Amino acid sequence: MTEANDDAPAAGRPEPGPVRGPAPQPAGEPPAAGAPPAGPPPGYAGPPPGYPPYYGPPQQYGPPPYGPPGWRPQPVPLSPDGRPLADFGTRLLAYLIDGALLTAVAMVLFAPVFIWLFTSVLPDMTPQETFAPETPDFGGIFVKFVLAELGLVVFLLVAYYVYYVEMMFRTGQTLGKKLIKVRVIPIAPGAMLTRSMAAKRYLIEFVGGMVVPFFSYVDGFWQLWDKPYQQTLHDKVAGTVVIKVAP
């Protein structure tokens, strides 16, 4: 029986392989600042058995916004003086807020008028217990309703004029536009918004919509395909664009 060699590996124990150290760096210029290292990090001893070799850091796409090679972000539409334009959804939300405010004011002011109208008409339409039956004056009732509706229309036109013209040309904003952070400005760089521009917008947007059926929809959706300034028809007539305002 021979003596076991102390230098021989024990039974069942694999012979240790060479210790893997960091890959030698090639001679030459050092990598640029911010560039991923060319080899494995210092102290890397190699992958465990069954794992793939080191392939380096993941592929970098550059600074934000990230994207694959060759991808470029879409440019933001700008006004002629370089300010970002308001998109369709933002303008629609401001329009709905303005419409809701004006409708609420009209309902509060005209609710007493319509209550008085119904209370004054209802006794005329109720049969009275008299010897001579009376026929309700439907002509007079109709005239009262027509006058009330005409009064409501005139009130809305005047209120819309004050709201969309007198308020607009001073600051370029209504309450809805101020809440959503958008503003109306002239398309000509450096020009000031005038009352005439605001009045043209009002006439095309509201009066034109009342006269021509479905004109309001065509006017509002026009900005979706208008290039490059995303103008509605009332913007084009007035010579204005709508921009975003920094918060």
Protein backbone atom coordinates (compact mmCIF):
# COMPACT_ATOMS: atom_id res chain seq x y z
CA MET A 1 0.00 0.00 0.00
CA THR A 2 1.49 3.29 -1.13
CA GLU A 3 1.35 6.56 0.65
CA ALA A 4 -1.04 9.15 -0.81
CA ASN A 5 0.62 12.12 -2.36
CA ASP A 6 -0.26 15.27 -0.44
CA ASP A 7 -0.23 17.27 -3.70
CA ALA A 8 -2.78 14.99 -5.39
CA PRO A 9 -6.45 16.10 -5.34
CA ALA A 10 -8.73 14.34 -2.91
CA ALA A 11 -11.05 11.65 -4.24
CA GLY A 12 -14.18 13.16 -5.76
CA ARG A 13 -12.91 16.74 -5.57
CA PRO A 14 -12.43 18.46 -8.94
CA GLU A 15 -9.10 19.86 -9.69
CA PRO A 16 -9.23 23.63 -9.26
CA GLY A 17 -8.77 25.56 -12.45
CA PRO A 18 -6.85 28.74 -12.99
CA VAL A 19 -8.15 31.76 -11.13
CA ARG A 20 -9.72 34.26 -13.52
CA GLY A 21 -8.81 37.83 -12.96
CA PRO A 22 -9.83 41.02 -14.72
CA ALA A 23 -9.19 41.06 -18.42
CA PRO A 24 -6.10 43.05 -19.33
CA GLN A 25 -6.86 46.46 -20.74
CA PRO A 26 -5.51 46.99 -24.23
CA ALA A 27 -2.90 49.62 -24.60
CA GLY A 28 -4.00 52.88 -26.14
CA GLU A 29 -6.20 55.85 -25.32
CA PRO A 30 -8.44 55.55 -22.23
CA PRO A 31 -12.19 55.28 -22.86
CA ALA A 32 -14.14 58.48 -23.14
CA ALA A 33 -15.96 59.86 -20.13
CA GLY A 34 -19.36 58.24 -19.74
CA ALA A 35 -18.58 55.38 -22.14
CA PRO A 36 -19.21 51.80 -20.89
CA PRO A 37 -16.10 49.83 -19.98
CA ALA A 38 -14.63 47.67 -22.72
CA GLY A 39 -14.03 44.66 -20.45
CA PRO A 40 -15.48 43.10 -17.32
CA PRO A 41 -15.37 45.12 -14.09
CA PRO A 42 -12.34 44.84 -11.80
CA GLY A 43 -12.40 41.78 -9.57
CA TYR A 44 -14.65 39.78 -11.90
CA ALA A 45 -13.60 36.13 -11.55
CA GLY A 46 -15.63 34.74 -14.40
CA PRO A 47 -19.15 33.28 -14.58
CA PRO A 48 -20.18 30.27 -12.49
CA PRO A 49 -20.45 26.92 -14.25
CA GLY A 50 -23.37 26.85 -16.68
CA TYR A 51 -23.61 30.64 -17.06
CA PRO A 52 -22.80 32.45 -20.32
CA PRO A 53 -19.62 34.50 -20.54
CA TYR A 54 -19.47 38.21 -19.84
CA TYR A 55 -20.80 40.27 -22.74
CA GLY A 56 -20.47 43.75 -21.26
CA PRO A 57 -23.06 46.27 -20.07
CA PRO A 58 -26.48 46.52 -21.74
CA GLN A 59 -26.82 48.56 -24.89
CA GLN A 60 -27.21 52.26 -24.24
CA TYR A 61 -29.65 54.41 -26.23
CA GLY A 62 -28.33 57.79 -25.20
CA PRO A 63 -29.91 60.53 -23.12
CA PRO A 64 -33.71 60.79 -22.65
CA PRO A 65 -36.03 60.42 -24.43
CA TYR A 66 -34.84 56.85 -24.90
CA GLY A 67 -35.43 54.98 -28.09
CA PRO A 68 -33.85 52.49 -30.47
CA PRO A 69 -31.08 53.55 -32.83
CA GLY A 70 -32.41 55.87 -35.51
CA TRP A 71 -35.50 56.89 -33.52
CA ARG A 72 -36.17 60.60 -33.18
CA PRO A 73 -38.90 62.26 -31.08
CA GLN A 74 -41.61 64.12 -32.97
CA PRO A 75 -41.07 67.87 -32.98
CA VAL A 76 -43.43 69.96 -30.85
CA PRO A 77 -45.59 72.29 -33.02
CA LEU A 78 -44.52 75.88 -32.43
CA SER A 79 -46.02 79.28 -33.13
CA PRO A 80 -44.16 81.64 -35.49
CA ASP A 81 -42.39 83.20 -32.48
CA GLY A 82 -41.27 79.78 -31.18
CA ARG A 83 -43.78 79.08 -28.39
CA PRO A 84 -45.46 75.63 -28.10
CA LEU A 85 -48.99 75.42 -29.50
CA ALA A 86 -51.96 74.10 -27.54
CA ASP A 87 -53.19 70.69 -28.69
CA PHE A 88 -56.77 69.74 -29.57
CA GLY A 89 -57.58 68.11 -26.23
CA THR A 90 -56.35 71.09 -24.22
CA ARG A 91 -58.34 73.57 -26.29
CA LEU A 92 -61.46 71.41 -26.11
CA LEU A 93 -61.25 71.22 -22.32
CA ALA A 94 -60.93 75.01 -22.03
CA TYR A 95 -63.92 75.43 -24.38
CA LEU A 96 -66.07 73.07 -22.28
CA ILE A 97 -65.19 74.89 -19.07
CA ASP A 98 -66.13 78.26 -20.60
CA GLY A 99 -69.40 76.85 -21.94
CA ALA A 100 -70.30 75.32 -18.58
CA LEU A 101 -69.66 78.61 -16.77
CA LEU A 102 -71.79 80.65 -19.16
CA THR A 103 -74.59 78.08 -19.15
CA ALA A 104 -74.67 78.07 -15.35
CA VAL A 105 -74.92 81.88 -15.26
CA ALA A 106 -77.72 81.87 -17.86
CA MET A 107 -79.69 79.26 -15.94
CA VAL A 108 -79.41 81.20 -12.69
CA LEU A 109 -80.52 84.47 -14.31
CA PHE A 110 -83.33 83.05 -16.45
CA ALA A 111 -84.76 80.55 -13.97
CA PRO A 112 -87.00 83.24 -12.38
CA VAL A 113 -88.19 84.34 -15.81
CA PHE A 114 -89.32 80.86 -16.82
CA ILE A 115 -90.88 80.24 -13.41
CA TRP A 116 -92.93 83.42 -13.79
CA LEU A 117 -93.84 82.43 -17.34
CA PHE A 118 -95.21 79.02 -16.32
CA THR A 119 -97.06 80.37 -13.32
CA SER A 120 -98.71 83.07 -15.44
CA VAL A 121 -99.65 80.69 -18.26
CA LEU A 122 -100.88 77.79 -16.14
CA PRO A 123 -104.05 79.52 -14.85
CA ASP A 124 -105.02 80.44 -18.41
CA MET A 125 -104.83 76.77 -19.47
CA THR A 126 -106.76 75.43 -16.44
CA PRO A 127 -110.54 75.08 -16.99
CA GLN A 128 -112.52 77.55 -14.87
CA GLU A 129 -115.87 76.68 -13.24
CA THR A 130 -117.93 79.35 -14.96
CA PHE A 131 -121.19 79.31 -16.86
CA ALA A 132 -119.43 80.39 -20.05
CA PRO A 133 -116.42 78.15 -20.86
CA GLU A 134 -113.36 80.10 -22.01
CA THR A 135 -110.92 78.92 -24.65
CA PRO A 136 -107.26 79.37 -23.60
CA ASP A 137 -105.43 82.06 -25.54
CA PHE A 138 -102.85 79.80 -27.19
CA GLY A 139 -101.66 82.65 -29.38
CA GLY A 140 -100.76 84.77 -26.39
CA ILE A 141 -99.09 81.81 -24.66
CA PHE A 142 -97.02 81.10 -27.77
CA VAL A 143 -95.93 84.72 -28.03
CA LYS A 144 -94.80 84.71 -24.40
CA PHE A 145 -92.66 81.60 -24.93
CA VAL A 146 -91.13 83.01 -28.12
CA LEU A 147 -90.27 86.29 -26.40
CA ALA A 148 -88.67 84.42 -23.50
CA GLU A 149 -86.55 82.33 -25.86
CA LEU A 150 -85.53 85.37 -27.90
CA GLY A 151 -84.55 87.12 -24.69
CA LEU A 152 -82.42 84.13 -23.73
CA VAL A 153 -80.70 84.11 -27.13
CA VAL A 154 -79.99 87.85 -26.99
CA PHE A 155 -78.66 87.51 -23.46
CA LEU A 156 -76.33 84.68 -24.47
CA LEU A 157 -75.01 86.64 -27.46
CA VAL A 158 -74.29 89.67 -25.30
CA ALA A 159 -72.77 87.58 -22.52
CA TYR A 160 -70.62 85.66 -24.98
CA TYR A 161 -69.47 88.95 -26.54
CA VAL A 162 -68.41 90.38 -23.19
CA TYR A 163 -66.78 87.11 -22.17
CA TYR A 164 -65.02 86.20 -25.41
CA VAL A 165 -64.22 89.69 -26.75
CA GLU A 166 -63.86 92.20 -23.94
CA MET A 167 -62.16 89.75 -21.60
CA MET A 168 -60.15 88.05 -24.34
CA PHE A 169 -58.43 90.98 -26.00
CA ARG A 170 -57.04 92.30 -22.71
CA THR A 171 -55.20 89.17 -21.58
CA GLY A 172 -55.77 86.65 -24.36
CA GLN A 173 -57.47 84.35 -21.87
CA THR A 174 -60.95 83.49 -20.67
CA LEU A 175 -61.47 81.78 -17.32
CA GLY A 176 -61.35 78.36 -18.96
CA LYS A 177 -58.15 79.17 -20.85
CA LYS A 178 -56.59 80.56 -17.68
CA LEU A 179 -57.36 77.35 -15.78
CA ILE A 180 -55.96 75.13 -18.55
CA LYS A 181 -52.90 77.39 -19.12
CA VAL A 182 -53.45 78.41 -22.75
CA ARG A 183 -53.59 81.84 -24.37
CA VAL A 184 -54.65 83.40 -27.67
CA ILE A 185 -51.96 85.47 -29.40
CA PRO A 186 -51.62 87.02 -32.88
CA ILE A 187 -49.93 84.82 -35.44
CA ALA A 188 -47.64 87.72 -36.39
CA PRO A 189 -44.62 87.72 -34.03
CA GLY A 190 -44.52 90.76 -31.78
CA ALA A 191 -48.09 91.91 -32.56
CA MET A 192 -50.66 92.73 -29.88
CA LEU A 193 -54.07 91.07 -29.66
CA THR A 194 -56.74 93.64 -30.54
CA ARG A 195 -60.47 93.90 -29.95
CA SER A 196 -60.99 93.47 -33.69
CA MET A 197 -59.20 90.09 -33.64
CA ALA A 198 -61.24 88.93 -30.64
CA ALA A 199 -64.48 90.11 -32.30
CA LYS A 200 -63.67 88.18 -35.48
CA ARG A 201 -63.08 85.04 -33.47
CA TYR A 202 -66.42 85.56 -31.71
CA LEU A 203 -68.40 86.16 -34.92
CA ILE A 204 -67.02 83.11 -36.71
CA GLU A 205 -67.08 80.74 -33.73
CA PHE A 206 -70.48 81.53 -32.19
CA VAL A 207 -72.61 83.61 -34.55
CA GLY A 208 -71.49 81.51 -37.53
CA GLY A 209 -72.32 78.36 -35.58
CA MET A 210 -75.84 79.62 -34.88
CA VAL A 211 -76.49 80.53 -38.53
CA VAL A 212 -74.91 77.59 -40.37
CA PRO A 213 -75.80 74.05 -39.17
CA PHE A 214 -72.81 71.92 -38.08
CA PHE A 215 -70.43 74.82 -38.72
CA SER A 216 -69.22 74.71 -35.11
CA TYR A 217 -68.02 71.12 -35.57
CA VAL A 218 -66.16 71.91 -38.79
CA ASP A 219 -64.63 74.99 -37.17
CA GLY A 220 -63.46 73.12 -34.08
CA PHE A 221 -62.12 70.02 -35.82
CA TRP A 222 -60.26 72.07 -38.45
CA GLN A 223 -57.23 72.31 -36.17
CA LEU A 224 -56.68 68.54 -36.35
CA TRP A 225 -55.46 68.72 -39.95
CA ASP A 226 -54.32 72.32 -40.16
CA LYS A 227 -50.55 72.63 -40.59
CA PRO A 228 -48.29 73.99 -39.26
CA TYR A 229 -50.08 76.13 -36.65
CA GLN A 230 -53.13 73.97 -35.74
CA GLN A 231 -55.59 76.81 -36.36
CA THR A 232 -59.36 76.63 -36.33
CA LEU A 233 -61.35 78.59 -38.90
CA HIS A 234 -61.97 81.43 -36.45
CA ASP A 235 -58.19 81.49 -35.81
CA LYS A 236 -57.52 81.86 -39.52
CA VAL A 237 -60.04 84.67 -39.98
CA ALA A 238 -58.76 86.55 -36.93
CA GLY A 239 -55.07 85.82 -37.56
CA THR A 240 -54.46 84.15 -34.18
CA VAL A 241 -53.01 80.98 -32.70
CA VAL A 242 -53.42 79.36 -29.29
CA ILE A 243 -50.27 78.64 -27.27
CA LYS A 244 -49.47 76.87 -24.02
CA VAL A 245 -48.56 79.04 -21.05
CA ALA A 246 -45.87 77.96 -18.63
CA PRO A 247 -47.30 77.31 -15.14
